N, C-alpha and C. Protein backbone atom coordinates (compact mmCIF):
# COMPACT_ATOMS: atom_id res chain seq x y z
N UNK A 1 -13.07 4.98 7.65
CA UNK A 1 -12.05 5.66 8.45
C UNK A 1 -10.91 6.12 7.54
N UNK A 2 -10.43 7.34 7.74
CA UNK A 2 -9.35 7.86 6.91
C UNK A 2 -8.04 7.16 7.23
N UNK A 3 -7.10 7.24 6.28
CA UNK A 3 -5.79 6.61 6.50
C UNK A 3 -5.08 7.25 7.70
N UNK A 4 -5.26 8.55 7.86
CA UNK A 4 -4.65 9.24 9.01
C UNK A 4 -5.18 8.68 10.32
N UNK A 5 -6.49 8.45 10.38
CA UNK A 5 -7.08 7.90 11.59
C UNK A 5 -6.56 6.48 11.86
N UNK A 6 -6.38 5.71 10.78
CA UNK A 6 -5.82 4.36 10.93
C UNK A 6 -4.41 4.43 11.50
N UNK A 7 -3.63 5.40 10.99
CA UNK A 7 -2.24 5.55 11.47
C UNK A 7 -2.21 5.95 12.94
N UNK A 8 -3.14 6.79 13.34
CA UNK A 8 -3.19 7.22 14.74
C UNK A 8 -3.57 6.06 15.67
N UNK A 9 -4.39 5.15 15.17
CA UNK A 9 -4.87 4.06 16.01
C UNK A 9 -3.99 2.83 15.99
N UNK A 10 -3.17 2.69 14.95
CA UNK A 10 -2.31 1.51 14.84
C UNK A 10 -1.16 1.55 15.84
N UNK A 11 -0.82 0.42 16.40
CA UNK A 11 0.29 0.37 17.36
C UNK A 11 0.88 -1.04 17.35
N UNK A 12 2.05 -1.20 17.93
CA UNK A 12 2.66 -2.52 18.04
C UNK A 12 2.06 -3.24 19.23
N UNK A 13 1.30 -4.26 18.94
CA UNK A 13 0.58 -5.00 19.97
C UNK A 13 1.54 -5.84 20.80
N UNK A 14 1.39 -5.76 22.09
CA UNK A 14 2.26 -6.51 23.02
C UNK A 14 1.57 -7.75 23.58
N UNK A 15 0.24 -7.76 23.58
CA UNK A 15 -0.49 -8.90 24.13
C UNK A 15 -1.73 -9.15 23.28
N UNK A 16 -1.92 -10.42 22.88
CA UNK A 16 -3.04 -10.79 22.01
C UNK A 16 -4.08 -11.61 22.75
N UNK A 17 -5.29 -11.59 22.22
CA UNK A 17 -6.35 -12.47 22.69
C UNK A 17 -6.20 -13.80 21.95
N UNK A 18 -5.67 -14.80 22.63
CA UNK A 18 -5.35 -16.08 21.99
C UNK A 18 -6.60 -16.83 21.53
N UNK A 19 -7.76 -16.45 22.02
CA UNK A 19 -9.00 -17.16 21.68
C UNK A 19 -9.68 -16.62 20.43
N UNK A 20 -9.16 -15.54 19.87
CA UNK A 20 -9.78 -14.93 18.69
C UNK A 20 -8.86 -15.08 17.49
N UNK A 21 -9.37 -15.74 16.44
CA UNK A 21 -8.57 -16.01 15.25
C UNK A 21 -9.03 -15.14 14.08
N UNK A 22 -8.11 -14.86 13.18
CA UNK A 22 -8.42 -14.09 11.97
C UNK A 22 -9.14 -15.01 10.99
N UNK A 23 -10.18 -14.51 10.36
CA UNK A 23 -10.96 -15.32 9.42
C UNK A 23 -10.14 -15.68 8.19
N UNK A 24 -10.50 -16.79 7.56
CA UNK A 24 -9.82 -17.24 6.34
C UNK A 24 -9.94 -16.19 5.24
N UNK A 25 -11.08 -15.50 5.19
CA UNK A 25 -11.28 -14.46 4.17
C UNK A 25 -10.29 -13.32 4.34
N UNK A 26 -10.09 -12.88 5.57
CA UNK A 26 -9.15 -11.78 5.80
C UNK A 26 -7.70 -12.22 5.56
N UNK A 27 -7.38 -13.46 5.90
CA UNK A 27 -6.03 -13.96 5.62
C UNK A 27 -5.80 -14.00 4.12
N UNK A 28 -6.80 -14.41 3.37
CA UNK A 28 -6.66 -14.41 1.91
C UNK A 28 -6.43 -13.00 1.38
N UNK A 29 -7.14 -12.03 1.93
CA UNK A 29 -6.94 -10.64 1.51
C UNK A 29 -5.51 -10.19 1.79
N UNK A 30 -5.00 -10.53 2.96
CA UNK A 30 -3.63 -10.13 3.31
C UNK A 30 -2.61 -10.78 2.37
N UNK A 31 -2.83 -12.02 2.01
CA UNK A 31 -1.92 -12.70 1.08
C UNK A 31 -1.93 -11.99 -0.27
N UNK A 32 -3.11 -11.64 -0.74
CA UNK A 32 -3.21 -10.97 -2.04
C UNK A 32 -2.60 -9.57 -1.97
N UNK A 33 -2.78 -8.88 -0.86
CA UNK A 33 -2.18 -7.55 -0.69
C UNK A 33 -0.66 -7.65 -0.72
N UNK A 34 -0.09 -8.65 -0.06
CA UNK A 34 1.37 -8.83 -0.11
C UNK A 34 1.83 -9.13 -1.52
N UNK A 35 1.05 -9.92 -2.25
CA UNK A 35 1.42 -10.21 -3.64
C UNK A 35 1.48 -8.93 -4.48
N UNK A 36 0.67 -7.96 -4.11
CA UNK A 36 0.60 -6.70 -4.85
C UNK A 36 1.56 -5.63 -4.31
N UNK A 37 2.39 -5.99 -3.36
CA UNK A 37 3.31 -5.02 -2.76
C UNK A 37 4.25 -4.42 -3.80
N UNK A 38 4.63 -3.14 -3.63
CA UNK A 38 5.57 -2.51 -4.55
C UNK A 38 7.01 -2.91 -4.26
N UNK A 39 7.82 -2.89 -5.31
CA UNK A 39 9.27 -3.13 -5.17
C UNK A 39 9.97 -2.47 -6.34
N UNK A 40 11.22 -2.09 -6.15
CA UNK A 40 11.99 -1.45 -7.21
C UNK A 40 12.06 -2.35 -8.43
N UNK A 41 11.83 -1.80 -9.59
CA UNK A 41 11.74 -2.48 -10.90
C UNK A 41 10.79 -3.68 -10.86
N UNK A 42 9.88 -3.71 -9.88
CA UNK A 42 8.96 -4.84 -9.70
C UNK A 42 9.73 -6.14 -9.47
N UNK A 43 10.82 -6.04 -8.71
CA UNK A 43 11.75 -7.16 -8.55
C UNK A 43 11.18 -8.33 -7.76
N UNK A 44 10.36 -8.06 -6.76
CA UNK A 44 9.66 -9.10 -5.98
C UNK A 44 10.58 -10.22 -5.48
N UNK A 45 11.65 -9.89 -4.76
CA UNK A 45 12.61 -10.92 -4.34
C UNK A 45 12.23 -11.58 -3.02
N UNK A 46 10.96 -11.91 -2.85
CA UNK A 46 10.47 -12.27 -1.54
C UNK A 46 9.67 -13.57 -1.51
N UNK A 47 9.47 -14.03 -0.29
CA UNK A 47 8.54 -15.11 -0.02
C UNK A 47 7.92 -14.82 1.34
N UNK A 48 6.62 -15.08 1.47
CA UNK A 48 5.90 -14.80 2.71
C UNK A 48 5.30 -16.10 3.24
N UNK A 49 5.61 -16.43 4.48
CA UNK A 49 5.09 -17.66 5.09
C UNK A 49 4.05 -17.31 6.14
N UNK A 50 2.82 -17.75 5.93
CA UNK A 50 1.74 -17.54 6.89
C UNK A 50 1.63 -18.78 7.78
N UNK A 51 1.91 -18.60 9.05
CA UNK A 51 1.97 -19.73 9.98
C UNK A 51 0.81 -19.65 10.97
N UNK A 52 -0.07 -20.66 10.92
CA UNK A 52 -1.16 -20.76 11.90
C UNK A 52 -1.09 -22.07 12.67
N UNK A 53 -0.35 -23.04 12.15
CA UNK A 53 -0.18 -24.32 12.84
C UNK A 53 0.47 -24.06 14.21
N UNK A 54 -0.20 -24.52 15.26
CA UNK A 54 0.24 -24.18 16.61
C UNK A 54 1.63 -24.73 16.94
N UNK A 55 1.92 -25.95 16.51
CA UNK A 55 3.23 -26.53 16.81
C UNK A 55 4.34 -25.73 16.11
N UNK A 56 4.13 -25.40 14.85
CA UNK A 56 5.14 -24.63 14.12
C UNK A 56 5.29 -23.24 14.73
N UNK A 57 4.16 -22.66 15.11
CA UNK A 57 4.19 -21.33 15.73
C UNK A 57 4.98 -21.37 17.04
N UNK A 58 4.79 -22.42 17.81
CA UNK A 58 5.52 -22.56 19.07
C UNK A 58 7.02 -22.72 18.83
N UNK A 59 7.37 -23.49 17.80
CA UNK A 59 8.79 -23.68 17.47
C UNK A 59 9.43 -22.35 17.08
N UNK A 60 8.72 -21.56 16.29
CA UNK A 60 9.24 -20.26 15.88
C UNK A 60 9.28 -19.30 17.06
N UNK A 61 8.27 -19.37 17.92
CA UNK A 61 8.25 -18.51 19.10
C UNK A 61 9.47 -18.77 19.99
N UNK A 62 9.87 -20.02 20.07
CA UNK A 62 11.03 -20.38 20.89
C UNK A 62 12.33 -19.85 20.31
N UNK A 63 12.29 -19.43 19.04
CA UNK A 63 13.47 -18.87 18.39
C UNK A 63 13.29 -17.37 18.17
N UNK A 64 12.55 -16.74 19.09
CA UNK A 64 12.19 -15.33 18.90
C UNK A 64 12.47 -14.45 20.11
N UNK A 65 13.38 -14.89 20.97
CA UNK A 65 13.81 -14.08 22.10
C UNK A 65 12.61 -13.58 22.92
N UNK A 66 12.54 -12.26 23.16
CA UNK A 66 11.49 -11.69 24.01
C UNK A 66 10.14 -11.59 23.31
N UNK A 67 10.06 -12.04 22.06
CA UNK A 67 8.79 -12.00 21.32
C UNK A 67 7.98 -13.28 21.49
N UNK A 68 8.48 -14.22 22.27
CA UNK A 68 7.86 -15.55 22.37
C UNK A 68 6.38 -15.49 22.74
N UNK A 69 6.04 -14.75 23.77
CA UNK A 69 4.66 -14.74 24.26
C UNK A 69 3.68 -14.22 23.21
N UNK A 70 4.02 -13.10 22.59
CA UNK A 70 3.07 -12.53 21.64
C UNK A 70 2.85 -13.44 20.43
N UNK A 71 3.89 -14.17 20.01
CA UNK A 71 3.74 -15.10 18.89
C UNK A 71 2.81 -16.24 19.28
N UNK A 72 2.98 -16.79 20.47
CA UNK A 72 2.12 -17.88 20.92
C UNK A 72 0.67 -17.45 21.07
N UNK A 73 0.45 -16.19 21.44
CA UNK A 73 -0.91 -15.69 21.62
C UNK A 73 -1.56 -15.29 20.30
N UNK A 74 -0.78 -14.85 19.33
CA UNK A 74 -1.31 -14.31 18.09
C UNK A 74 -2.03 -15.37 17.26
N UNK A 75 -2.91 -14.91 16.39
CA UNK A 75 -3.62 -15.82 15.49
C UNK A 75 -2.67 -16.44 14.48
N UNK A 76 -1.83 -15.61 13.86
CA UNK A 76 -0.89 -16.05 12.83
C UNK A 76 0.46 -15.36 13.03
N UNK A 77 1.48 -15.98 12.48
CA UNK A 77 2.79 -15.35 12.36
C UNK A 77 3.13 -15.33 10.87
N UNK A 78 3.49 -14.16 10.37
CA UNK A 78 3.87 -14.03 8.97
C UNK A 78 5.37 -13.76 8.91
N UNK A 79 6.08 -14.63 8.20
CA UNK A 79 7.53 -14.51 8.10
C UNK A 79 7.89 -13.98 6.72
N UNK A 80 8.69 -12.92 6.70
CA UNK A 80 9.12 -12.27 5.46
C UNK A 80 10.53 -12.75 5.14
N UNK A 81 10.71 -13.33 3.96
CA UNK A 81 12.01 -13.88 3.58
C UNK A 81 12.47 -13.29 2.26
N UNK A 82 13.79 -13.24 2.09
CA UNK A 82 14.39 -12.68 0.88
C UNK A 82 15.13 -13.77 0.12
N UNK A 83 15.09 -13.69 -1.18
CA UNK A 83 15.80 -14.67 -2.00
C UNK A 83 17.30 -14.55 -1.73
N UNK A 84 17.98 -15.68 -1.59
CA UNK A 84 19.41 -15.64 -1.24
C UNK A 84 20.31 -16.13 -2.36
N UNK A 85 19.71 -16.51 -3.48
CA UNK A 85 20.46 -17.02 -4.62
C UNK A 85 20.35 -16.00 -5.75
N UNK A 86 21.42 -15.27 -5.99
CA UNK A 86 21.37 -14.19 -6.97
C UNK A 86 21.11 -14.72 -8.38
N UNK A 87 21.71 -15.86 -8.72
CA UNK A 87 21.47 -16.44 -10.05
C UNK A 87 19.99 -16.79 -10.23
N UNK A 88 19.38 -17.33 -9.20
CA UNK A 88 17.96 -17.67 -9.26
C UNK A 88 17.12 -16.39 -9.40
N UNK A 89 17.51 -15.34 -8.69
CA UNK A 89 16.80 -14.06 -8.81
C UNK A 89 16.92 -13.51 -10.22
N UNK A 90 18.11 -13.57 -10.79
CA UNK A 90 18.31 -13.04 -12.14
C UNK A 90 17.49 -13.83 -13.16
N UNK A 91 17.37 -15.12 -12.96
CA UNK A 91 16.54 -15.93 -13.85
C UNK A 91 15.07 -15.53 -13.70
N UNK A 92 14.66 -15.26 -12.47
CA UNK A 92 13.28 -14.86 -12.21
C UNK A 92 12.93 -13.56 -12.92
N UNK A 93 13.81 -12.57 -12.85
CA UNK A 93 13.48 -11.30 -13.50
C UNK A 93 13.57 -11.40 -15.01
N UNK A 94 14.47 -12.26 -15.52
CA UNK A 94 14.53 -12.45 -16.98
C UNK A 94 13.21 -13.02 -17.51
N UNK A 95 12.60 -13.88 -16.72
CA UNK A 95 11.37 -14.54 -17.16
C UNK A 95 10.13 -13.68 -16.96
N UNK A 96 10.20 -12.72 -16.04
CA UNK A 96 8.97 -12.03 -15.64
C UNK A 96 8.94 -10.52 -15.86
N UNK A 97 10.09 -9.90 -16.06
CA UNK A 97 10.12 -8.45 -16.16
C UNK A 97 10.38 -7.99 -17.59
N UNK A 98 9.93 -6.78 -17.94
CA UNK A 98 10.21 -6.24 -19.27
C UNK A 98 11.70 -5.97 -19.45
N UNK A 99 12.10 -5.88 -20.69
CA UNK A 99 13.53 -5.73 -21.01
C UNK A 99 14.15 -4.52 -20.33
N UNK A 100 13.41 -3.41 -20.25
CA UNK A 100 13.97 -2.20 -19.64
C UNK A 100 14.32 -2.40 -18.18
N UNK A 101 13.48 -3.13 -17.44
CA UNK A 101 13.75 -3.38 -16.03
C UNK A 101 14.97 -4.29 -15.86
N UNK A 102 15.06 -5.30 -16.71
CA UNK A 102 16.21 -6.21 -16.66
C UNK A 102 17.49 -5.46 -17.01
N UNK A 103 17.41 -4.58 -17.99
CA UNK A 103 18.58 -3.78 -18.37
C UNK A 103 19.03 -2.89 -17.22
N UNK A 104 18.07 -2.32 -16.50
CA UNK A 104 18.42 -1.48 -15.35
C UNK A 104 19.21 -2.31 -14.33
N UNK A 105 18.71 -3.50 -14.03
CA UNK A 105 19.41 -4.37 -13.08
C UNK A 105 20.80 -4.71 -13.58
N UNK A 106 20.89 -5.10 -14.84
CA UNK A 106 22.19 -5.52 -15.40
C UNK A 106 23.21 -4.39 -15.43
N UNK A 107 22.73 -3.17 -15.67
CA UNK A 107 23.64 -2.04 -15.81
C UNK A 107 24.03 -1.39 -14.48
N UNK A 108 23.10 -1.36 -13.53
CA UNK A 108 23.35 -0.58 -12.32
C UNK A 108 23.50 -1.42 -11.04
N UNK A 109 22.95 -2.62 -11.03
CA UNK A 109 22.99 -3.43 -9.81
C UNK A 109 23.90 -4.65 -9.93
N UNK A 110 23.82 -5.33 -11.05
CA UNK A 110 24.61 -6.55 -11.24
C UNK A 110 26.12 -6.31 -11.06
N UNK A 111 26.67 -5.15 -11.48
CA UNK A 111 28.11 -4.93 -11.31
C UNK A 111 28.55 -4.74 -9.85
N UNK A 112 27.61 -4.53 -8.94
CA UNK A 112 27.96 -4.28 -7.54
C UNK A 112 28.43 -5.56 -6.85
N UNK A 113 29.17 -5.43 -5.74
CA UNK A 113 29.55 -6.61 -4.96
C UNK A 113 28.30 -7.37 -4.50
N UNK A 114 28.45 -8.67 -4.33
CA UNK A 114 27.31 -9.51 -3.93
C UNK A 114 26.64 -9.00 -2.66
N UNK A 115 27.43 -8.52 -1.71
CA UNK A 115 26.88 -8.02 -0.45
C UNK A 115 25.92 -6.86 -0.69
N UNK A 116 26.26 -5.97 -1.62
CA UNK A 116 25.41 -4.82 -1.90
C UNK A 116 24.15 -5.23 -2.65
N UNK A 117 24.26 -6.20 -3.54
CA UNK A 117 23.08 -6.70 -4.25
C UNK A 117 22.10 -7.31 -3.25
N UNK A 118 22.63 -8.11 -2.32
CA UNK A 118 21.76 -8.75 -1.34
C UNK A 118 21.14 -7.72 -0.39
N UNK A 119 21.86 -6.66 -0.11
CA UNK A 119 21.29 -5.59 0.71
C UNK A 119 20.14 -4.92 -0.03
N UNK A 120 20.31 -4.69 -1.33
CA UNK A 120 19.25 -4.09 -2.15
C UNK A 120 18.02 -5.01 -2.18
N UNK A 121 18.24 -6.30 -2.31
CA UNK A 121 17.12 -7.25 -2.32
C UNK A 121 16.36 -7.19 -1.00
N UNK A 122 17.09 -7.14 0.11
CA UNK A 122 16.45 -7.08 1.42
C UNK A 122 15.63 -5.80 1.58
N UNK A 123 16.14 -4.69 1.03
CA UNK A 123 15.40 -3.43 1.11
C UNK A 123 14.03 -3.55 0.46
N UNK A 124 13.93 -4.33 -0.61
CA UNK A 124 12.64 -4.50 -1.28
C UNK A 124 11.64 -5.20 -0.37
N UNK A 125 12.12 -6.18 0.39
CA UNK A 125 11.23 -6.90 1.30
C UNK A 125 10.73 -5.96 2.39
N UNK A 126 11.60 -5.06 2.85
CA UNK A 126 11.17 -4.10 3.87
C UNK A 126 10.09 -3.16 3.34
N UNK A 127 10.11 -2.87 2.03
CA UNK A 127 9.04 -2.05 1.46
C UNK A 127 7.69 -2.72 1.68
N UNK A 128 7.66 -4.04 1.53
CA UNK A 128 6.39 -4.76 1.68
C UNK A 128 5.89 -4.73 3.12
N UNK A 129 6.79 -4.55 4.07
CA UNK A 129 6.38 -4.52 5.48
C UNK A 129 5.44 -3.36 5.76
N UNK A 130 5.81 -2.16 5.32
CA UNK A 130 4.95 -1.00 5.55
C UNK A 130 3.59 -1.18 4.90
N UNK A 131 3.60 -1.74 3.69
CA UNK A 131 2.37 -2.02 2.96
C UNK A 131 1.49 -2.97 3.78
N UNK A 132 2.12 -4.01 4.34
CA UNK A 132 1.40 -5.04 5.08
C UNK A 132 0.82 -4.49 6.39
N UNK A 133 1.60 -3.71 7.13
CA UNK A 133 1.11 -3.16 8.39
C UNK A 133 -0.09 -2.24 8.16
N UNK A 134 -0.04 -1.47 7.09
CA UNK A 134 -1.17 -0.60 6.76
C UNK A 134 -2.39 -1.42 6.38
N UNK A 135 -2.17 -2.51 5.65
CA UNK A 135 -3.28 -3.38 5.27
C UNK A 135 -3.93 -3.99 6.50
N UNK A 136 -3.11 -4.43 7.44
CA UNK A 136 -3.66 -4.99 8.69
C UNK A 136 -4.54 -3.96 9.39
N UNK A 137 -4.05 -2.74 9.49
CA UNK A 137 -4.82 -1.69 10.16
C UNK A 137 -6.16 -1.46 9.46
N UNK A 138 -6.14 -1.49 8.12
CA UNK A 138 -7.37 -1.25 7.36
C UNK A 138 -8.39 -2.36 7.57
N UNK A 139 -7.90 -3.57 7.90
CA UNK A 139 -8.78 -4.72 8.14
C UNK A 139 -9.08 -4.91 9.62
N UNK A 140 -8.66 -3.94 10.44
CA UNK A 140 -8.86 -3.98 11.89
C UNK A 140 -8.19 -5.19 12.53
N UNK A 141 -7.01 -5.51 12.01
CA UNK A 141 -6.17 -6.59 12.54
C UNK A 141 -4.98 -5.95 13.23
N UNK A 142 -4.67 -6.40 14.42
CA UNK A 142 -3.53 -5.87 15.15
C UNK A 142 -2.25 -6.60 14.72
N UNK A 143 -1.11 -5.93 14.90
CA UNK A 143 0.14 -6.49 14.38
C UNK A 143 1.33 -6.11 15.25
N UNK A 144 2.37 -6.93 15.13
CA UNK A 144 3.62 -6.69 15.87
C UNK A 144 4.80 -7.07 14.99
N UNK A 145 5.42 -6.09 14.30
CA UNK A 145 6.61 -6.41 13.51
C UNK A 145 7.78 -6.69 14.43
N UNK A 146 8.63 -7.65 14.04
CA UNK A 146 9.75 -8.01 14.92
C UNK A 146 10.95 -8.48 14.12
N UNK A 147 12.10 -7.87 14.43
CA UNK A 147 13.37 -8.34 13.88
C UNK A 147 14.09 -9.26 14.86
N UNK A 148 13.59 -9.33 16.07
CA UNK A 148 14.23 -10.15 17.10
C UNK A 148 13.91 -11.62 16.93
N UNK A 149 14.48 -12.23 15.89
CA UNK A 149 14.27 -13.65 15.62
C UNK A 149 15.62 -14.30 15.32
N UNK A 150 15.71 -15.60 15.57
CA UNK A 150 16.89 -16.37 15.21
C UNK A 150 16.69 -16.87 13.77
N UNK A 151 17.29 -16.17 12.84
CA UNK A 151 16.99 -16.39 11.42
C UNK A 151 17.31 -17.81 10.96
N UNK A 152 18.42 -18.36 11.37
CA UNK A 152 18.78 -19.71 10.93
C UNK A 152 17.77 -20.73 11.45
N UNK A 153 17.31 -20.56 12.67
CA UNK A 153 16.31 -21.47 13.23
C UNK A 153 14.99 -21.34 12.47
N UNK A 154 14.62 -20.12 12.13
CA UNK A 154 13.41 -19.90 11.32
C UNK A 154 13.53 -20.61 9.98
N UNK A 155 14.68 -20.43 9.31
CA UNK A 155 14.88 -21.05 8.00
C UNK A 155 14.72 -22.56 8.09
N UNK A 156 15.27 -23.14 9.14
CA UNK A 156 15.22 -24.60 9.32
C UNK A 156 13.79 -25.06 9.60
N UNK A 157 13.10 -24.36 10.49
CA UNK A 157 11.73 -24.74 10.83
C UNK A 157 10.80 -24.64 9.62
N UNK A 158 10.98 -23.59 8.83
CA UNK A 158 10.12 -23.36 7.66
C UNK A 158 10.58 -24.13 6.43
N UNK A 159 11.74 -24.80 6.55
CA UNK A 159 12.31 -25.56 5.43
C UNK A 159 12.46 -24.68 4.18
N UNK A 160 13.01 -23.50 4.38
CA UNK A 160 13.17 -22.56 3.28
C UNK A 160 14.27 -23.02 2.33
N UNK A 161 14.03 -22.90 1.04
CA UNK A 161 15.03 -23.19 0.02
C UNK A 161 15.20 -21.96 -0.86
N UNK A 162 16.42 -21.50 -0.98
CA UNK A 162 16.77 -20.32 -1.79
C UNK A 162 16.27 -19.01 -1.18
N UNK A 163 15.75 -19.06 0.04
CA UNK A 163 15.29 -17.85 0.73
C UNK A 163 15.82 -17.86 2.16
N UNK A 164 16.01 -16.67 2.72
CA UNK A 164 16.41 -16.51 4.11
C UNK A 164 15.41 -15.62 4.84
N UNK A 165 15.07 -15.99 6.06
CA UNK A 165 14.17 -15.17 6.88
C UNK A 165 14.83 -13.83 7.19
N UNK A 166 14.02 -12.77 7.13
CA UNK A 166 14.51 -11.43 7.50
C UNK A 166 13.87 -10.94 8.79
N UNK A 167 12.55 -11.04 8.87
CA UNK A 167 11.81 -10.57 10.03
C UNK A 167 10.43 -11.22 10.00
N UNK A 168 9.66 -10.99 11.04
CA UNK A 168 8.33 -11.60 11.13
C UNK A 168 7.33 -10.59 11.69
N UNK A 169 6.05 -10.87 11.46
CA UNK A 169 4.98 -10.03 12.00
C UNK A 169 3.92 -10.94 12.62
N UNK A 170 3.70 -10.77 13.91
CA UNK A 170 2.58 -11.46 14.57
C UNK A 170 1.32 -10.67 14.27
N UNK A 171 0.23 -11.37 13.96
CA UNK A 171 -1.04 -10.70 13.67
C UNK A 171 -2.17 -11.40 14.42
N UNK A 172 -3.17 -10.63 14.78
CA UNK A 172 -4.31 -11.17 15.51
C UNK A 172 -5.15 -10.05 16.06
N UNK A 173 -5.73 -10.28 17.22
CA UNK A 173 -6.59 -9.27 17.86
C UNK A 173 -6.10 -9.03 19.29
N UNK A 174 -5.99 -7.79 19.63
CA UNK A 174 -5.38 -7.40 20.90
C UNK A 174 -6.13 -7.94 22.12
N UNK A 175 -5.37 -8.17 23.14
CA UNK A 175 -5.93 -8.41 24.47
C UNK A 175 -6.47 -7.06 24.96
N UNK A 176 -7.73 -6.97 25.36
CA UNK A 176 -8.28 -5.68 25.81
C UNK A 176 -7.45 -5.03 26.92
N UNK A 177 -6.66 -5.83 27.62
CA UNK A 177 -5.84 -5.29 28.71
C UNK A 177 -4.42 -4.96 28.28
N UNK A 178 -4.15 -5.03 26.98
CA UNK A 178 -2.81 -4.68 26.48
C UNK A 178 -2.49 -3.24 26.86
N UNK A 179 -1.43 -3.04 27.60
CA UNK A 179 -1.10 -1.70 28.10
C UNK A 179 -0.37 -0.84 27.08
N UNK A 180 -0.09 -1.40 25.90
CA UNK A 180 0.63 -0.61 24.89
C UNK A 180 -0.31 0.09 23.92
N UNK A 181 -1.60 -0.17 24.00
CA UNK A 181 -2.53 0.45 23.04
C UNK A 181 -2.64 1.95 23.29
N UNK A 182 -2.84 2.74 22.23
CA UNK A 182 -2.80 4.20 22.33
C UNK A 182 -3.76 4.79 23.36
N UNK A 183 -4.87 4.12 23.62
CA UNK A 183 -5.82 4.65 24.60
C UNK A 183 -5.25 4.58 26.02
N UNK A 184 -4.24 3.74 26.21
CA UNK A 184 -3.60 3.59 27.52
C UNK A 184 -2.24 4.27 27.54
N UNK A 185 -1.47 4.05 26.49
CA UNK A 185 -0.12 4.61 26.38
C UNK A 185 -0.05 5.44 25.10
N UNK A 186 -0.21 6.75 25.19
CA UNK A 186 -0.22 7.59 23.99
C UNK A 186 1.02 7.39 23.12
N UNK A 187 0.82 7.50 21.81
CA UNK A 187 1.93 7.36 20.88
C UNK A 187 3.01 8.40 21.16
N UNK A 188 4.25 8.02 20.98
CA UNK A 188 5.38 8.94 21.15
C UNK A 188 6.08 9.10 19.81
N UNK A 189 5.97 10.26 19.20
CA UNK A 189 6.58 10.52 17.91
C UNK A 189 7.26 11.88 17.92
N UNK A 190 8.29 12.03 17.10
CA UNK A 190 8.97 13.32 16.98
C UNK A 190 8.03 14.35 16.37
N UNK A 191 8.23 15.64 16.68
CA UNK A 191 7.39 16.69 16.11
C UNK A 191 7.50 16.73 14.59
N UNK A 192 6.42 17.14 13.94
CA UNK A 192 6.37 17.21 12.48
C UNK A 192 7.51 18.06 11.93
N UNK A 193 7.76 19.22 12.57
CA UNK A 193 8.77 20.14 12.06
C UNK A 193 10.19 19.57 12.19
N UNK A 194 10.36 18.56 13.02
CA UNK A 194 11.68 17.94 13.18
C UNK A 194 12.00 16.99 12.03
N UNK A 195 10.98 16.32 11.53
CA UNK A 195 11.24 15.26 10.54
C UNK A 195 10.80 15.58 9.12
N UNK A 196 10.01 16.66 8.94
CA UNK A 196 9.51 17.01 7.61
C UNK A 196 10.19 18.28 7.12
N UNK A 197 10.71 18.22 5.91
CA UNK A 197 11.28 19.41 5.27
C UNK A 197 10.41 19.77 4.08
N UNK A 198 9.89 20.97 4.06
CA UNK A 198 9.08 21.46 2.95
C UNK A 198 9.88 22.50 2.19
N UNK A 199 10.05 22.29 0.89
CA UNK A 199 10.91 23.17 0.08
C UNK A 199 10.07 23.87 -0.98
């Protein structure tokens, strides 16, 4: 299937088949795909938590506002977190990146206020989200990205150290009666000429 066809068929799943789980092989592929995600200067300021334990999933679902049901039904919940300790991040890039990349950070990003540096770090994690959603579609896995989470509660439940939760993605297989799937509710997108500029 072409990437365009995958994009046309992909949608935010509202209801999952709780009896169908994603295979260990496909979960391993998704983990490796996230590891290979792109980021500016290869900064990789992230951590990804794959949650399949039902009790933990329920605890996180309870801290997810109107997303509770889909998390409880989904096979897994993947939590995307960003490093929150700038000194630790700087040590990480010193150890793992080439001198040119470190120099770029030191010259153009390090002088910025801490708030702007942390915003830049978060942007890198969001890059991995698009990569991940596309990967799910290619593996015929349904997904639901969600920012509607109580981040502090997530951090506590996951026992995160030096990282903060940003958003989560429920993954699994759709309930055949999900009314949000494109065959029932056609996709709504702006016209091409409205959003694309060709020069």
